[in-house]
Structures are given as structure tokens and as C-alpha cells.
């Protein structure tokens, strides 16, 4: 079972090589696809590591991930944020989940690389939400069977909530998602930059409004790029 890791990036010059190194150290056979949405391709230009497929794309995380999926050669697609670190033995865990015919994809539990009780609370809420709703978010390293992903049309070209939209379509079509108990570790930089409470409440509000029917093109103005 070949696995492709697709990393959508925009202005991630400072972290992209470390992200590639972490994946390579875990499994040298995994395909890595870096998809840059910057018209100037600054992140692609910063890549100094070999054996990563570099792809230019129009800006937009959904567009970038779809472009990466088209270029990828894996049987399983893992969509990974550049500032998110996979847990030890992530790839054997993904392979095991994908060998279970009950599941079309999955994701991991969430950990945040930051100190403080509020971060631990956010982690617990995220894990509980994912298990109850089976709708993991993009920072949980979503993975899917490639053929299934292509068959359902991939991510929609919307400016926000493309991960929630995809998972809702999977559920509506009867697909099942596996939540692996191992934790990815994502950067706390956005929470620290914007303020933990402000960022968290903003994110929750956007999700609620989206679920109530507010279109992403209206919500995106409240979510800084």
C-alpha cells in the first residue's frame, strides 16, 4: 500500500524543510507532495530536500490539496499541514486502518504544541468532537483512499470549511471514518499570535455559522489567512 503525503503550503518557507525531514525519518518510501499556493512559489523555492514532488497551484487550500491528489501516486492520500507533526508509527497505523474494509479514511486525535490548561482543554474537546461526529478537521492529518477521494470529487473549491464539507459529504454517502487514538502535534502559533480565547471562540463561531448555512465566502473575512 503506497502512501502519499500532500502538504498544502502558503508562506511556509521557515518550516517546510523540517516537515519533509520528519516524514522522511519516519518512512523513506512515503511519497511527499508539496503544493504551493503562492504565485511566486516562495515555499517551493525554499525546499532544499530531495525526493519531494514540488507542485505549483492556484491559492486556496482545497484547490491545492486537489492538485496534490492529482499528482500523487499513492493508494492512500494523507493531507498534512506543514506545521503539524505526525505521531510515531503513523504510517503503519494508517495502513492498518485502510486495510479495514469498514473505513474509507480517517484522522488522528489532536495535540497542540503549547503550554497551558486551555490548550489541554481544546485538545480534549477536539478529540471528543471528532469521535462523536466523525468529522475531523484538517489539522488532524486526514487520510483517505485515493480512489474514493477522486470518486466523491475531492475537496470543494470553497475559501473555508473545505475539510468539514468533505467529511459531511462522506457521512452523507455512508462512508465511515476511523479516528486513530495517536495524536498529531500541531503548532500553537495561531493561538499564540491571536490569543487563545479569541482564536478558539472565533473558530467555534465560524463552524457553528457554517453548519447553520452561512456560506464560506461570507465567513472567510473573519478568518485571517
Protein backbone atom coordinates (compact mmCIF):
# COMPACT_ATOMS: atom_id res chain seq x y z
CA UNK A 1 0.00 0.00 0.00
CA UNK A 2 1.67 3.20 -1.18
CA UNK A 3 1.09 6.34 0.84
CA UNK A 4 1.34 9.92 -0.45
CA UNK A 5 1.61 12.82 1.99
CA UNK A 6 0.21 16.03 0.49
CA UNK A 7 1.33 19.26 2.17
CA UNK A 8 -0.54 22.42 1.06
CA UNK A 9 1.59 25.47 1.80
CA UNK A 10 1.47 29.24 1.65
CA UNK A 11 4.39 31.26 3.03
CA UNK A 12 5.81 28.26 4.91
CA UNK A 13 9.46 28.79 3.94
CA UNK A 14 10.58 28.62 7.57
CA UNK A 15 9.13 25.18 8.32
CA UNK A 16 8.85 23.21 5.08
CA UNK A 17 12.26 21.50 5.17
CA UNK A 18 11.74 20.37 8.76
CA UNK A 19 8.34 18.99 7.78
CA UNK A 20 9.89 16.99 4.94
CA UNK A 21 12.70 15.73 7.19
CA UNK A 22 10.24 14.49 9.82
CA UNK A 23 8.32 12.45 7.25
CA UNK A 24 11.46 11.08 5.65
CA UNK A 25 12.79 9.98 9.06
CA UNK A 26 9.59 8.03 9.69
CA UNK A 27 9.39 6.24 6.34
CA UNK A 28 11.69 6.89 3.41
CA UNK A 29 9.32 5.15 0.99
CA UNK A 30 6.43 7.55 1.52
CA UNK A 31 5.79 9.97 -1.34
CA UNK A 32 5.82 13.64 -0.32
CA UNK A 33 3.95 16.21 -2.43
CA UNK A 34 4.38 19.90 -1.55
CA UNK A 35 1.74 22.11 -3.16
CA UNK A 36 2.40 25.85 -3.05
CA UNK A 37 -0.46 28.32 -3.47
CA UNK A 38 1.86 31.33 -3.64
CA UNK A 39 2.00 32.77 -7.20
CA UNK A 40 5.68 33.49 -6.57
CA UNK A 41 6.34 29.95 -5.34
CA UNK A 42 8.40 31.10 -2.37
CA UNK A 43 7.91 27.94 -0.32
CA UNK A 44 8.81 25.72 -3.26
CA UNK A 45 11.92 27.83 -3.76
CA UNK A 46 12.88 27.26 -0.13
CA UNK A 47 12.80 23.46 -0.40
CA UNK A 48 16.34 22.09 -0.28
CA UNK A 49 15.47 18.44 0.28
CA UNK A 50 15.48 15.84 -2.47
CA UNK A 51 12.77 13.32 -3.17
CA UNK A 52 9.78 15.62 -2.70
CA UNK A 53 7.43 16.35 -5.58
CA UNK A 54 7.00 20.13 -5.87
CA UNK A 55 3.73 21.38 -7.36
CA UNK A 56 2.56 24.92 -8.10
CA UNK A 57 -1.14 25.66 -7.68
CA UNK A 58 -3.65 28.46 -7.50
CA UNK A 59 -4.17 29.79 -3.99
CA UNK A 60 -6.76 28.01 -1.86
CA UNK A 61 -6.23 25.04 0.43
CA UNK A 62 -8.93 22.94 -1.21
CA UNK A 63 -7.53 23.66 -4.69
CA UNK A 64 -4.00 22.90 -3.53
CA UNK A 65 -4.96 19.58 -1.95
CA UNK A 66 -6.90 18.55 -5.04
CA UNK A 67 -3.93 19.42 -7.23
CA UNK A 68 -1.66 17.41 -4.97
CA UNK A 69 -4.03 14.45 -5.12
CA UNK A 70 -3.99 14.55 -8.92
CA UNK A 71 -0.20 14.50 -8.96
CA UNK A 72 0.20 11.89 -6.21
CA UNK A 73 0.78 8.23 -6.98
CA UNK A 74 -0.27 6.73 -3.66
CA UNK A 75 -3.16 4.41 -2.89
CA UNK A 76 -3.77 6.43 0.28
CA UNK A 77 -3.63 10.23 0.49
CA UNK A 78 -2.61 11.94 3.74
CA UNK A 79 -3.35 15.66 3.89
CA UNK A 80 -0.89 17.21 6.32
CA UNK A 81 -0.41 20.82 7.39
CA UNK A 82 3.21 21.96 7.26
CA UNK A 83 3.17 22.86 10.96
CA UNK A 84 1.67 19.54 12.08
CA UNK A 85 3.81 16.59 13.18
CA UNK A 86 2.62 13.02 12.73
CA UNK A 87 2.89 10.61 15.68
CA UNK A 88 5.37 7.74 15.83
CA UNK A 89 4.31 4.78 13.68
CA UNK A 90 1.73 6.93 11.92
CA UNK A 91 2.11 5.19 8.58
CA UNK A 92 1.67 1.62 9.89
CA UNK A 93 -1.41 2.90 11.75
CA UNK A 94 -2.78 4.43 8.56
CA UNK A 95 -2.10 1.25 6.59
CA UNK A 96 -3.82 -0.84 9.24
CA UNK A 97 -6.88 1.40 9.20
CA UNK A 98 -7.08 1.32 5.41
CA UNK A 99 -6.89 -2.47 5.37
CA UNK A 100 -10.14 -2.50 7.35
CA UNK A 101 -12.86 -2.51 4.71
CA UNK A 102 -15.25 -0.69 7.06
CA UNK A 103 -13.36 2.59 6.61
CA UNK A 104 -12.76 4.89 3.64
CA UNK A 105 -10.39 7.12 5.58
CA UNK A 106 -9.53 8.55 8.94
CA UNK A 107 -7.60 11.03 11.02
CA UNK A 108 -5.73 11.30 14.31
CA UNK A 109 -6.50 12.78 17.69
CA UNK A 110 -5.18 16.31 18.21
CA UNK A 111 -2.41 17.69 20.41
CA UNK A 112 -1.26 21.32 20.41
CA UNK A 113 2.37 22.27 20.82
CA UNK A 114 1.75 24.81 23.53
CA UNK A 115 1.76 25.07 27.32
CA UNK A 116 -1.27 25.76 29.46
CA UNK A 117 -4.55 24.31 30.64
CA UNK A 118 -6.53 26.00 27.85
CA UNK A 119 -4.60 24.09 25.20
CA UNK A 120 -5.29 20.81 27.03
CA UNK A 121 -8.99 21.68 27.13
CA UNK A 122 -9.05 22.46 23.40
CA UNK A 123 -7.38 19.10 22.73
CA UNK A 124 -9.94 17.18 24.76
CA UNK A 125 -12.85 18.98 23.12
CA UNK A 126 -11.40 18.30 19.66
CA UNK A 127 -10.94 14.59 20.37
CA UNK A 128 -14.43 14.25 21.83
CA UNK A 129 -15.99 16.16 18.94
CA UNK A 130 -14.21 14.02 16.35
CA UNK A 131 -15.35 10.80 17.98
CA UNK A 132 -18.94 11.90 18.40
CA UNK A 133 -19.40 13.48 14.96
CA UNK A 134 -16.80 11.55 12.92
CA UNK A 135 -15.93 14.92 11.34
CA UNK A 136 -12.22 15.53 11.97
CA UNK A 137 -10.69 18.83 10.92
CA UNK A 138 -7.77 19.39 8.58
CA UNK A 139 -5.17 19.83 11.34
CA UNK A 140 -5.80 16.21 12.39
CA UNK A 141 -3.99 14.80 9.33
CA UNK A 142 -6.97 13.48 7.37
CA UNK A 143 -6.24 10.44 5.19
CA UNK A 144 -8.42 8.81 2.53
CA UNK A 145 -8.35 6.06 -0.05
CA UNK A 146 -7.26 7.80 -3.25
CA UNK A 147 -9.89 6.14 -5.47
CA UNK A 148 -12.64 7.08 -3.03
CA UNK A 149 -11.39 10.66 -2.75
CA UNK A 150 -11.42 11.04 -6.51
CA UNK A 151 -14.82 9.38 -6.85
CA UNK A 152 -16.52 11.85 -4.49
CA UNK A 153 -14.92 14.81 -6.24
CA UNK A 154 -12.24 15.71 -3.69
CA UNK A 155 -12.40 18.99 -1.81
CA UNK A 156 -14.84 21.61 -2.96
CA UNK A 157 -13.44 24.91 -4.19
CA UNK A 158 -14.58 27.00 -1.24
CA UNK A 159 -12.47 29.52 0.71
CA UNK A 160 -13.12 27.98 4.13
CA UNK A 161 -14.56 24.84 5.75
CA UNK A 162 -13.42 22.56 2.93
CA UNK A 163 -12.48 19.91 5.49
CA UNK A 164 -15.86 19.96 7.23
CA UNK A 165 -17.68 19.96 3.89
CA UNK A 166 -15.73 16.89 2.74
CA UNK A 167 -16.44 14.95 5.92
CA UNK A 168 -20.13 15.80 5.80
CA UNK A 169 -20.34 14.50 2.24
CA UNK A 170 -18.55 11.32 3.27
CA UNK A 171 -21.04 10.77 6.10
CA UNK A 172 -24.00 11.55 3.86
CA UNK A 173 -22.75 8.95 1.37
CA UNK A 174 -22.42 6.27 4.04
CA UNK A 175 -18.62 6.35 4.30
CA UNK A 176 -17.00 5.63 7.67
CA UNK A 177 -14.03 7.46 9.16
CA UNK A 178 -11.56 5.92 11.60
CA UNK A 179 -10.21 8.16 14.38
CA UNK A 180 -6.80 6.85 15.47
CA UNK A 181 -6.07 7.45 19.15
CA UNK A 182 -2.49 8.52 18.50
CA UNK A 183 -2.07 12.29 18.42
CA UNK A 184 -0.72 14.59 15.78
CA UNK A 185 1.03 17.62 17.25
CA UNK A 186 0.13 20.91 15.62
CA UNK A 187 1.74 24.29 16.16
CA UNK A 188 0.20 26.69 18.65
CA UNK A 189 1.41 29.67 16.61
CA UNK A 190 -2.04 30.89 15.50
CA UNK A 191 -3.49 30.70 19.03
CA UNK A 192 -0.43 32.41 20.47
CA UNK A 193 -0.48 35.14 17.83
CA UNK A 194 -4.19 35.92 18.07
CA UNK A 195 -4.85 34.98 21.70
CA UNK A 196 -6.08 31.56 22.82
CA UNK A 197 -9.62 32.52 23.83
CA UNK A 198 -10.19 34.86 20.91
CA UNK A 199 -8.90 32.36 18.35
CA UNK A 200 -10.85 29.43 19.82
CA UNK A 201 -14.14 31.30 20.15
CA UNK A 202 -13.73 32.70 16.64
CA UNK A 203 -13.13 29.22 15.22
CA UNK A 204 -16.11 27.71 17.03
CA UNK A 205 -18.35 30.57 15.92
CA UNK A 206 -17.33 30.15 12.28
CA UNK A 207 -18.07 26.41 12.39
CA UNK A 208 -21.48 26.96 14.00
CA UNK A 209 -22.43 29.62 11.47
CA UNK A 210 -21.29 27.37 8.62
CA UNK A 211 -23.41 24.49 9.94
CA UNK A 212 -26.35 26.90 10.16
CA UNK A 213 -25.96 27.65 6.47
CA UNK A 214 -23.82 30.79 6.26
CA UNK A 215 -21.74 30.45 3.05
CA UNK A 216 -17.94 30.16 3.37
CA UNK A 217 -17.36 33.21 1.15
CA UNK A 218 -19.01 35.33 3.86
CA UNK A 219 -17.25 33.59 6.75
CA UNK A 220 -13.75 33.83 5.32
CA UNK A 221 -13.46 37.55 6.12
CA UNK A 222 -13.45 36.59 9.82
CA UNK A 223 -10.60 34.09 9.39
CA UNK A 224 -7.20 35.69 8.79
CA UNK A 225 -5.08 33.94 6.15
